[in-house]
C-alpha atoms as a PDB file:
ATOM      1  CA  MET A   1     -28.509 -15.164 -43.446  1.00  0.00           C
ATOM      2  CA  SER A   2     -27.676 -14.271 -47.044  1.00  0.00           C
ATOM      3  CA  GLU A   3     -30.390 -14.194 -49.657  1.00  0.00           C
ATOM      4  CA  PRO A   4     -30.969 -17.699 -51.093  1.00  0.00           C
ATOM      5  CA  CYS A   5     -29.881 -17.951 -54.706  1.00  0.00           C
ATOM      6  CA  ALA A   6     -30.947 -20.268 -57.514  1.00  0.00           C
ATOM      7  CA  ILE A   7     -29.662 -20.850 -61.031  1.00  0.00           C
ATOM      8  CA  VAL A   8     -31.978 -22.020 -63.812  1.00  0.00           C
ATOM      9  CA  THR A   9     -30.381 -23.069 -67.085  1.00  0.00           C
ATOM     10  CA  GLY A  10     -32.452 -22.397 -70.177  1.00  0.00           C
ATOM     11  CA  GLY A  11     -34.682 -20.172 -68.079  1.00  0.00           C
ATOM     12  CA  ALA A  12     -35.484 -17.467 -70.620  1.00  0.00           C
ATOM     13  CA  ARG A  13     -38.529 -19.103 -72.177  1.00  0.00           C
ATOM     14  CA  ASN A  14     -41.333 -21.602 -71.650  1.00  0.00           C
ATOM     15  CA  ILE A  15     -40.890 -24.141 -68.816  1.00  0.00           C
ATOM     16  CA  GLY A  16     -37.559 -22.689 -67.740  1.00  0.00           C
ATOM     17  CA  GLN A  17     -39.026 -19.224 -67.390  1.00  0.00           C
ATOM     18  CA  ALA A  18     -41.982 -20.525 -65.370  1.00  0.00           C
ATOM     19  CA  ILE A  19     -39.534 -22.308 -63.045  1.00  0.00           C
ATOM     20  CA  ALA A  20     -37.393 -19.183 -62.646  1.00  0.00           C
ATOM     21  CA  LEU A  21     -40.409 -17.006 -61.883  1.00  0.00           C
ATOM     22  CA  ARG A  22     -41.749 -19.523 -59.367  1.00  0.00           C
ATOM     23  CA  LEU A  23     -38.413 -19.662 -57.560  1.00  0.00           C
ATOM     24  CA  GLN A  24     -38.456 -15.871 -57.393  1.00  0.00           C
ATOM     25  CA  GLN A  25     -41.872 -16.088 -55.748  1.00  0.00           C
ATOM     26  CA  ASP A  26     -40.432 -18.661 -53.343  1.00  0.00           C
ATOM     27  CA  GLY A  27     -37.839 -16.134 -52.202  1.00  0.00           C
ATOM     28  CA  TYR A  28     -34.842 -17.092 -54.311  1.00  0.00           C
ATOM     29  CA  ARG A  29     -32.693 -14.573 -56.122  1.00  0.00           C
ATOM     30  CA  THR A  30     -32.912 -16.371 -59.442  1.00  0.00           C
ATOM     31  CA  ILE A  31     -30.181 -16.235 -62.081  1.00  0.00           C
ATOM     32  CA  VAL A  32     -31.109 -17.425 -65.559  1.00  0.00           C
ATOM     33  CA  LEU A  33     -28.411 -18.847 -67.820  1.00  0.00           C
ATOM     34  CA  ASP A  34     -29.513 -18.899 -71.440  1.00  0.00           C
ATOM     35  CA  ILE A  35     -28.346 -18.053 -74.919  1.00  0.00           C
ATOM     36  CA  VAL A  36     -31.086 -15.419 -75.174  1.00  0.00           C
ATOM     37  CA  GLU A  37     -32.378 -12.715 -72.835  1.00  0.00           C
ATOM     38  CA  PRO A  38     -35.345 -13.652 -70.639  1.00  0.00           C
ATOM     39  CA  GLU A  39     -38.779 -12.482 -71.698  1.00  0.00           C
ATOM     40  CA  ALA A  40     -39.854 -11.722 -68.116  1.00  0.00           C
ATOM     41  CA  GLU A  41     -38.708  -8.308 -66.883  1.00  0.00           C
ATOM     42  CA  SER A  42     -38.028  -9.530 -63.343  1.00  0.00           C
ATOM     43  CA  LEU A  43     -35.448 -12.036 -64.628  1.00  0.00           C
ATOM     44  CA  LYS A  44     -33.447  -9.711 -66.862  1.00  0.00           C
ATOM     45  CA  ALA A  45     -31.273  -7.950 -64.284  1.00  0.00           C
ATOM     46  CA  ASP A  46     -29.521 -11.074 -62.996  1.00  0.00           C
ATOM     47  CA  ALA A  47     -29.579 -13.133 -66.202  1.00  0.00           C
ATOM     48  CA  ARG A  48     -26.376 -14.181 -67.939  1.00  0.00           C
ATOM     49  CA  ARG A  49     -26.263 -14.865 -71.658  1.00  0.00           C
ATOM     50  CA  VAL A  50     -24.125 -17.900 -72.401  1.00  0.00           C
ATOM     51  CA  ASP A  51     -24.059 -20.843 -74.779  1.00  0.00           C
ATOM     52  CA  LEU A  52     -24.316 -23.720 -72.326  1.00  0.00           C
ATOM     53  CA  ALA A  53     -22.956 -26.107 -74.941  1.00  0.00           C
ATOM     54  CA  GLU A  54     -19.605 -24.307 -74.613  1.00  0.00           C
ATOM     55  CA  ILE A  55     -17.712 -25.713 -71.631  1.00  0.00           C
ATOM     56  CA  GLU A  56     -15.277 -22.890 -70.907  1.00  0.00           C
ATOM     57  CA  ALA A  57     -17.839 -20.133 -71.414  1.00  0.00           C
ATOM     58  CA  THR A  58     -20.196 -21.897 -69.007  1.00  0.00           C
ATOM     59  CA  ARG A  59     -17.477 -22.429 -66.412  1.00  0.00           C
ATOM     60  CA  ALA A  60     -16.424 -18.785 -66.635  1.00  0.00           C
ATOM     61  CA  VAL A  61     -19.969 -17.521 -66.012  1.00  0.00           C
ATOM     62  CA  LEU A  62     -20.469 -19.897 -63.086  1.00  0.00           C
ATOM     63  CA  ALA A  63     -17.124 -18.929 -61.536  1.00  0.00           C
ATOM     64  CA  GLU A  64     -18.163 -15.283 -61.665  1.00  0.00           C
ATOM     65  CA  ILE A  65     -21.528 -16.056 -60.062  1.00  0.00           C
ATOM     66  CA  VAL A  66     -20.174 -18.093 -57.147  1.00  0.00           C
ATOM     67  CA  GLU A  67     -17.714 -15.310 -56.349  1.00  0.00           C
ATOM     68  CA  SER A  68     -20.602 -13.145 -55.168  1.00  0.00           C
ATOM     69  CA  HIS A  69     -23.548 -15.497 -54.568  1.00  0.00           C
ATOM     70  CA  SER A  70     -24.152 -18.540 -52.398  1.00  0.00           C
ATOM     71  CA  VAL A  71     -26.042 -20.764 -54.823  1.00  0.00           C
ATOM     72  CA  ASP A  72     -28.001 -23.466 -53.020  1.00  0.00           C
ATOM     73  CA  CYS A  73     -30.424 -24.387 -55.799  1.00  0.00           C
ATOM     74  CA  LEU A  74     -29.602 -25.477 -59.351  1.00  0.00           C
ATOM     75  CA  VAL A  75     -32.228 -26.379 -61.926  1.00  0.00           C
ATOM     76  CA  ASN A  76     -30.669 -28.096 -64.935  1.00  0.00           C
ATOM     77  CA  ASN A  77     -33.460 -27.304 -67.362  1.00  0.00           C
ATOM     78  CA  VAL A  78     -31.866 -26.439 -70.690  1.00  0.00           C
ATOM     79  CA  GLY A  79     -32.599 -28.806 -73.562  1.00  0.00           C
ATOM     80  CA  ILE A  80     -33.225 -29.086 -77.267  1.00  0.00           C
ATOM     81  CA  VAL A  81     -35.100 -31.657 -79.328  1.00  0.00           C
ATOM     82  CA  ALA A  82     -34.265 -33.097 -82.748  1.00  0.00           C
ATOM     83  CA  PRO A  83     -37.439 -35.007 -83.661  1.00  0.00           C
ATOM     84  CA  ALA A  84     -36.819 -37.828 -86.129  1.00  0.00           C
ATOM     85  CA  LEU A  85     -37.773 -41.428 -86.631  1.00  0.00           C
ATOM     86  CA  LEU A  86     -34.914 -43.884 -86.219  1.00  0.00           C
ATOM     87  CA  ASP A  87     -34.265 -44.185 -89.962  1.00  0.00           C
ATOM     88  CA  ASP A  88     -33.998 -40.406 -90.264  1.00  0.00           C
ATOM     89  CA  THR A  89     -32.015 -39.699 -87.089  1.00  0.00           C
ATOM     90  CA  ARG A  90     -28.849 -37.799 -87.904  1.00  0.00           C
ATOM     91  CA  VAL A  91     -25.720 -39.054 -86.162  1.00  0.00           C
ATOM     92  CA  GLU A  92     -24.446 -35.494 -86.502  1.00  0.00           C
ATOM     93  CA  ASP A  93     -27.103 -34.378 -84.024  1.00  0.00           C
ATOM     94  CA  PHE A  94     -25.901 -36.780 -81.320  1.00  0.00           C
ATOM     95  CA  ASP A  95     -23.104 -34.600 -79.951  1.00  0.00           C
ATOM     96  CA  ARG A  96     -25.196 -31.435 -80.258  1.00  0.00           C
ATOM     97  CA  LEU A  97     -27.954 -32.787 -78.030  1.00  0.00           C
ATOM     98  CA  MET A  98     -25.654 -34.590 -75.623  1.00  0.00           C
ATOM     99  CA  HIS A  99     -23.438 -31.548 -75.135  1.00  0.00           C
ATOM    100  CA  LEU A 100     -26.284 -29.154 -74.368  1.00  0.00           C
ATOM    101  CA  ASN A 101     -28.806 -31.413 -72.652  1.00  0.00           C
ATOM    102  CA  VAL A 102     -26.439 -33.607 -70.634  1.00  0.00           C
ATOM    103  CA  ARG A 103     -22.928 -32.201 -70.483  1.00  0.00           C
ATOM    104  CA  SER A 104     -24.106 -28.756 -69.394  1.00  0.00           C
ATOM    105  CA  ALA A 105     -25.823 -30.337 -66.385  1.00  0.00           C
ATOM    106  CA  LEU A 106     -22.549 -31.994 -65.380  1.00  0.00           C
ATOM    107  CA  VAL A 107     -20.534 -28.793 -65.842  1.00  0.00           C
ATOM    108  CA  CYS A 108     -22.991 -26.651 -63.877  1.00  0.00           C
ATOM    109  CA  THR A 109     -23.369 -29.145 -61.059  1.00  0.00           C
ATOM    110  CA  GLN A 110     -19.623 -29.595 -60.651  1.00  0.00           C
ATOM    111  CA  ALA A 111     -19.124 -25.831 -60.497  1.00  0.00           C
ATOM    112  CA  LEU A 112     -21.661 -25.361 -57.689  1.00  0.00           C
ATOM    113  CA  LEU A 113     -20.850 -28.435 -55.608  1.00  0.00           C
ATOM    114  CA  PRO A 114     -17.992 -26.952 -53.545  1.00  0.00           C
ATOM    115  CA  GLY A 115     -20.207 -24.193 -52.165  1.00  0.00           C
ATOM    116  CA  MET A 116     -23.112 -26.541 -51.490  1.00  0.00           C
ATOM    117  CA  ARG A 117     -20.830 -28.976 -49.710  1.00  0.00           C
ATOM    118  CA  GLU A 118     -19.311 -26.217 -47.606  1.00  0.00           C
ATOM    119  CA  ARG A 119     -22.782 -25.061 -46.520  1.00  0.00           C
ATOM    120  CA  ARG A 120     -24.010 -28.662 -46.274  1.00  0.00           C
ATOM    121  CA  HIS A 121     -27.127 -27.745 -48.145  1.00  0.00           C
ATOM    122  CA  GLY A 122     -28.152 -27.933 -51.773  1.00  0.00           C
ATOM    123  CA  ARG A 123     -31.027 -28.647 -54.100  1.00  0.00           C
ATOM    124  CA  ILE A 124     -30.357 -29.955 -57.600  1.00  0.00           C
ATOM    125  CA  VAL A 125     -33.330 -30.515 -59.897  1.00  0.00           C
ATOM    126  CA  ILE A 126     -33.102 -31.911 -63.411  1.00  0.00           C
ATOM    127  CA  ASN A 127     -35.762 -31.434 -66.054  1.00  0.00           C
ATOM    128  CA  ALA A 128     -36.048 -34.879 -67.617  1.00  0.00           C
ATOM    129  CA  SER A 129     -39.131 -35.879 -69.643  1.00  0.00           C
ATOM    130  CA  ARG A 130     -41.874 -38.436 -69.982  1.00  0.00           C
ATOM    131  CA  VAL A 131     -39.977 -39.602 -73.081  1.00  0.00           C
ATOM    132  CA  VAL A 132     -37.720 -41.662 -70.778  1.00  0.00           C
ATOM    133  CA  LEU A 133     -40.600 -44.178 -70.915  1.00  0.00           C
ATOM    134  CA  GLY A 134     -40.468 -44.219 -74.709  1.00  0.00           C
ATOM    135  CA  LYS A 135     -41.823 -42.031 -77.503  1.00  0.00           C
ATOM    136  CA  GLU A 136     -41.673 -42.301 -81.268  1.00  0.00           C
ATOM    137  CA  ALA A 137     -39.330 -39.973 -83.142  1.00  0.00           C
ATOM    138  CA  ARG A 138     -37.295 -39.125 -80.038  1.00  0.00           C
ATOM    139  CA  SER A 139     -34.242 -41.402 -80.256  1.00  0.00           C
ATOM    140  CA  LEU A 140     -31.686 -38.740 -79.372  1.00  0.00           C
ATOM    141  CA  TYR A 141     -33.840 -36.635 -77.069  1.00  0.00           C
ATOM    142  CA  SER A 142     -34.930 -39.645 -75.030  1.00  0.00           C
ATOM    143  CA  ALA A 143     -31.302 -40.780 -74.832  1.00  0.00           C
ATOM    144  CA  THR A 144     -30.286 -37.453 -73.302  1.00  0.00           C
ATOM    145  CA  LYS A 145     -33.182 -37.405 -70.856  1.00  0.00           C
ATOM    146  CA  GLY A 146     -32.565 -41.004 -69.838  1.00  0.00           C
ATOM    147  CA  ALA A 147     -28.912 -40.159 -69.245  1.00  0.00           C
ATOM    148  CA  LEU A 148     -29.898 -37.219 -67.053  1.00  0.00           C
ATOM    149  CA  GLN A 149     -32.280 -39.349 -65.016  1.00  0.00           C
ATOM    150  CA  SER A 150     -29.608 -41.978 -64.498  1.00  0.00           C
ATOM    151  CA  MET A 151     -27.005 -39.390 -63.484  1.00  0.00           C
ATOM    152  CA  ALA A 152     -29.453 -37.865 -61.017  1.00  0.00           C
ATOM    153  CA  ARG A 153     -29.891 -41.174 -59.227  1.00  0.00           C
ATOM    154  CA  THR A 154     -26.130 -41.623 -59.020  1.00  0.00           C
ATOM    155  CA  TRP A 155     -25.585 -38.073 -57.777  1.00  0.00           C
ATOM    156  CA  ALA A 156     -28.332 -38.519 -55.189  1.00  0.00           C
ATOM    157  CA  LEU A 157     -26.422 -41.420 -53.667  1.00  0.00           C
ATOM    158  CA  GLU A 158     -23.101 -39.599 -53.734  1.00  0.00           C
ATOM    159  CA  LEU A 159     -24.361 -36.308 -52.316  1.00  0.00           C
ATOM    160  CA  ALA A 160     -26.991 -37.316 -49.754  1.00  0.00           C
ATOM    161  CA  GLY A 161     -24.453 -37.238 -46.930  1.00  0.00           C
ATOM    162  CA  ASP A 162     -23.581 -33.649 -47.812  1.00  0.00           C
ATOM    163  CA  GLY A 163     -27.144 -32.439 -47.339  1.00  0.00           C
ATOM    164  CA  ILE A 164     -27.654 -32.134 -51.091  1.00  0.00           C
ATOM    165  CA  THR A 165     -30.703 -33.611 -52.787  1.00  0.00           C
ATOM    166  CA  VAL A 166     -30.952 -34.477 -56.477  1.00  0.00           C
ATOM    167  CA  ASN A 167     -34.302 -35.089 -58.139  1.00  0.00           C
ATOM    168  CA  CYS A 168     -35.956 -35.021 -61.555  1.00  0.00           C
ATOM    169  CA  VAL A 169     -39.191 -33.686 -62.915  1.00  0.00           C
ATOM    170  CA  ALA A 170     -40.460 -35.450 -66.029  1.00  0.00           C
ATOM    171  CA  PRO A 171     -42.999 -33.327 -67.908  1.00  0.00           C
ATOM    172  CA  GLY A 172     -45.511 -34.849 -70.253  1.00  0.00           C
ATOM    173  CA  PRO A 173     -47.364 -32.760 -72.866  1.00  0.00           C
ATOM    174  CA  ILE A 174     -46.797 -29.137 -71.857  1.00  0.00           C
ATOM    175  CA  ALA A 175     -48.176 -26.168 -73.802  1.00  0.00           C
ATOM    176  CA  THR A 176     -44.954 -24.441 -74.833  1.00  0.00           C
ATOM    177  CA  SER A 177     -43.933 -22.774 -78.075  1.00  0.00           C
ATOM    178  CA  ALA A 178     -41.706 -25.773 -78.804  1.00  0.00           C
ATOM    179  CA  PHE A 179     -44.637 -28.184 -78.408  1.00  0.00           C
ATOM    180  CA  TRP A 180     -46.882 -26.207 -80.738  1.00  0.00           C
ATOM    181  CA  GLU A 181     -44.099 -25.892 -83.319  1.00  0.00           C
ATOM    182  CA  ASN A 182     -43.855 -29.682 -83.458  1.00  0.00           C
ATOM    183  CA  ASN A 183     -47.617 -30.200 -83.076  1.00  0.00           C
ATOM    184  CA  PRO A 184     -49.639 -27.387 -84.694  1.00  0.00           C
ATOM    185  CA  PRO A 185     -52.764 -26.659 -82.611  1.00  0.00           C
ATOM    186  CA  ASP A 186     -55.174 -27.465 -85.449  1.00  0.00           C
ATOM    187  CA  SER A 187     -53.415 -30.679 -86.468  1.00  0.00           C
ATOM    188  CA  GLU A 188     -54.751 -34.191 -86.017  1.00  0.00           C
ATOM    189  CA  ARG A 189     -51.549 -35.063 -84.194  1.00  0.00           C
ATOM    190  CA  ALA A 190     -52.113 -32.374 -81.547  1.00  0.00           C
ATOM    191  CA  ARG A 191     -55.731 -33.431 -81.081  1.00  0.00           C
ATOM    192  CA  ARG A 192     -54.698 -37.060 -80.659  1.00  0.00           C
ATOM    193  CA  ILE A 193     -52.115 -36.135 -78.012  1.00  0.00           C
ATOM    194  CA  ILE A 194     -54.596 -34.066 -76.013  1.00  0.00           C
ATOM    195  CA  ASP A 195     -57.321 -36.722 -76.270  1.00  0.00           C
ATOM    196  CA  ASN A 196     -54.911 -39.274 -74.792  1.00  0.00           C
ATOM    197  CA  ILE A 197     -54.192 -37.203 -71.671  1.00  0.00           C
ATOM    198  CA  PRO A 198     -56.274 -38.577 -68.780  1.00  0.00           C
ATOM    199  CA  ALA A 199     -56.533 -35.072 -67.289  1.00  0.00           C
ATOM    200  CA  ARG A 200     -58.089 -33.958 -70.596  1.00  0.00           C
ATOM    201  CA  ARG A 201     -55.954 -30.855 -70.888  1.00  0.00           C
ATOM    202  CA  MET A 202     -52.467 -29.814 -71.827  1.00  0.00           C
ATOM    203  CA  GLY A 203     -50.076 -29.158 -68.993  1.00  0.00           C
ATOM    204  CA  GLN A 204     -48.870 -25.622 -68.394  1.00  0.00           C
ATOM    205  CA  PRO A 205     -45.278 -24.565 -67.638  1.00  0.00           C
ATOM    206  CA  GLU A 206     -46.486 -23.548 -64.178  1.00  0.00           C
ATOM    207  CA  ASP A 207     -47.463 -27.176 -63.490  1.00  0.00           C
ATOM    208  CA  VAL A 208     -43.816 -28.172 -63.891  1.00  0.00           C
ATOM    209  CA  ALA A 209     -42.660 -25.179 -61.856  1.00  0.00           C
ATOM    210  CA  GLN A 210     -44.869 -26.346 -58.991  1.00  0.00           C
ATOM    211  CA  ALA A 211     -43.050 -29.698 -58.893  1.00  0.00           C
ATOM    212  CA  VAL A 212     -39.641 -28.026 -59.064  1.00  0.00           C
ATOM    213  CA  SER A 213     -40.643 -25.720 -56.213  1.00  0.00           C
ATOM    214  CA  PHE A 214     -41.397 -28.742 -54.042  1.00  0.00           C
ATOM    215  CA  PHE A 215     -37.999 -30.312 -54.693  1.00  0.00           C
ATOM    216  CA  CYS A 216     -36.215 -27.006 -54.018  1.00  0.00           C
ATOM    217  CA  ASP A 217     -38.040 -26.380 -50.756  1.00  0.00           C
ATOM    218  CA  GLU A 218     -35.982 -26.336 -47.567  1.00  0.00           C
ATOM    219  CA  ARG A 219     -38.432 -28.881 -46.122  1.00  0.00           C
ATOM    220  CA  SER A 220     -37.878 -31.452 -48.882  1.00  0.00           C
ATOM    221  CA  GLY A 221     -34.530 -32.670 -47.606  1.00  0.00           C
ATOM    222  CA  PHE A 222     -35.608 -36.300 -47.153  1.00  0.00           C
ATOM    223  CA  VAL A 223     -36.600 -36.699 -50.817  1.00  0.00           C
ATOM    224  CA  THR A 224     -33.754 -37.524 -53.185  1.00  0.00           C
ATOM    225  CA  GLY A 225     -33.062 -39.646 -56.253  1.00  0.00           C
ATOM    226  CA  GLN A 226     -36.690 -39.430 -57.355  1.00  0.00           C
ATOM    227  CA  THR A 227     -38.456 -38.651 -60.636  1.00  0.00           C
ATOM    228  CA  LEU A 228     -41.821 -36.921 -60.490  1.00  0.00           C
ATOM    229  CA  PHE A 229     -43.884 -37.221 -63.682  1.00  0.00           C
ATOM    230  CA  VAL A 230     -45.865 -34.059 -64.384  1.00  0.00           C
ATOM    231  CA  CYS A 231     -47.959 -35.484 -67.167  1.00  0.00           C
ATOM    232  CA  GLY A 232     -51.678 -35.381 -66.432  1.00  0.00           C
ATOM    233  CA  GLY A 233     -51.651 -39.146 -66.034  1.00  0.00           C
ATOM    234  CA  VAL A 234     -50.003 -40.013 -69.364  1.00  0.00           C
ATOM    235  CA  SER A 235     -47.287 -42.063 -67.653  1.00  0.00           C
ATOM    236  CA  VAL A 236     -49.818 -44.267 -65.833  1.00  0.00           C
ATOM    237  CA  GLY A 237     -50.626 -47.682 -67.306  1.00  0.00           C
END
């Protein structure tokens, strides 16, 4: 049997990197697609630098990969945030977020589907977010994550008969560079967020990677169309 292969979009940093490293530990040859080079040495050799907001560039990279690899696991992780209250939300940011956060997931999934269908096996995991339940100053970001969650449920129904599962992880407060940029560690806002987490700690990227690993596991074939909140209890109540 050929070596199992996984693709992680936006896997060069933070949660994406933790997911890519975990899948390596799980036995996958993991290919990171990102606009920057991965920080982790073990991910650099197979990584491809690409702007996932560019359709043709993304398709070209994926076509090259499937020529030589049987990709059975896709983690649509890439995403950007444009924090702003409703009054300050820039319409100009709408396409930027939708194209990277949502459209790239569609492009990548479509490119890998023929091979998954042929092998009658596939694992597709989408990194959504707790913001699908609502969060201030996240109009556009929550719209993209809600769209991804909705697409995942639709894809799960369409692809179940092909042996392909589609699931979402929905992280809550995770200690990434992006989180600390928006919520400085010594700020009242950061303290308030942490105090409101029932688990009384920030999540770590590895917490999300653990959930992704479960969905990608060969033994998880009867779980599809689901969203698993990795949030320390924030989504409860």
